């Protein structure tokens, strides 16, 4: 998924039974929040676990 806010190459996405787990590193809290919004907008996703770390 391409998004102007989130650099997806720095975010790992894993799914299991309609639950998405996000991990990795981003530069801002907005990028972290946007990644979660994108994941939750995918049809069929029931939960998003956002383990992304904001750098610096």
Protein backbone atom coordinates (compact mmCIF):
# COMPACT_ATOMS: atom_id res chain seq x y z
CA UNK A 1 0.00 0.00 0.00
CA UNK A 2 1.43 3.38 -0.96
CA UNK A 3 0.88 6.38 1.30
CA UNK A 4 2.56 9.80 1.20
CA UNK A 5 2.84 9.93 5.01
CA UNK A 6 4.11 6.46 5.87
CA UNK A 7 7.29 4.93 4.49
CA UNK A 8 6.03 1.37 4.29
CA UNK A 9 9.48 -0.03 3.65
CA UNK A 10 10.21 0.70 7.32
CA UNK A 11 7.03 -0.93 8.63
CA UNK A 12 6.54 -4.68 8.91
CA UNK A 13 2.99 -5.97 8.56
CA UNK A 14 1.95 -9.41 9.75
CA UNK A 15 -1.55 -10.85 9.80
CA UNK A 16 -3.13 -13.76 11.61
CA UNK A 17 -6.85 -14.49 11.82
CA UNK A 18 -7.86 -11.00 10.67
CA UNK A 19 -5.55 -9.32 13.21
CA UNK A 20 -2.79 -7.09 11.83
CA UNK A 21 0.42 -6.49 13.76
CA UNK A 22 2.54 -3.49 12.77
CA UNK A 23 6.17 -3.15 13.80
CA UNK A 24 9.20 -1.17 12.74
CA UNK A 25 10.33 2.42 12.99
CA UNK A 26 8.94 5.74 11.76
CA UNK A 27 9.99 9.36 12.22
CA UNK A 28 6.78 10.84 13.65
CA UNK A 29 3.72 9.97 15.70
CA UNK A 30 1.60 10.96 12.69
CA UNK A 31 3.29 8.25 10.59
CA UNK A 32 2.57 5.70 13.33
CA UNK A 33 -1.07 6.74 13.53
CA UNK A 34 -1.48 6.77 9.75
CA UNK A 35 -0.07 3.25 9.48
CA UNK A 36 -2.68 2.06 11.96
CA UNK A 37 -5.45 3.89 10.11
CA UNK A 38 -4.40 2.31 6.82
CA UNK A 39 -4.25 -1.18 8.31
CA UNK A 40 -7.65 -0.84 9.97
CA UNK A 41 -9.21 0.37 6.73
CA UNK A 42 -8.47 -2.94 4.98
CA UNK A 43 -11.62 -4.98 4.51
CA UNK A 44 -11.80 -7.91 6.92
CA UNK A 45 -9.34 -6.58 9.50
CA UNK A 46 -10.83 -6.85 12.99
CA UNK A 47 -7.94 -5.57 15.10
CA UNK A 48 -4.66 -3.68 14.68
CA UNK A 49 -1.77 -4.09 17.11
CA UNK A 50 0.48 -1.09 16.56
CA UNK A 51 3.98 -1.86 17.84
CA UNK A 52 5.68 0.76 15.66
CA UNK A 53 8.39 2.80 17.43
CA UNK A 54 8.75 6.52 16.77
CA UNK A 55 12.44 7.38 16.31
CA UNK A 56 13.92 10.41 18.05
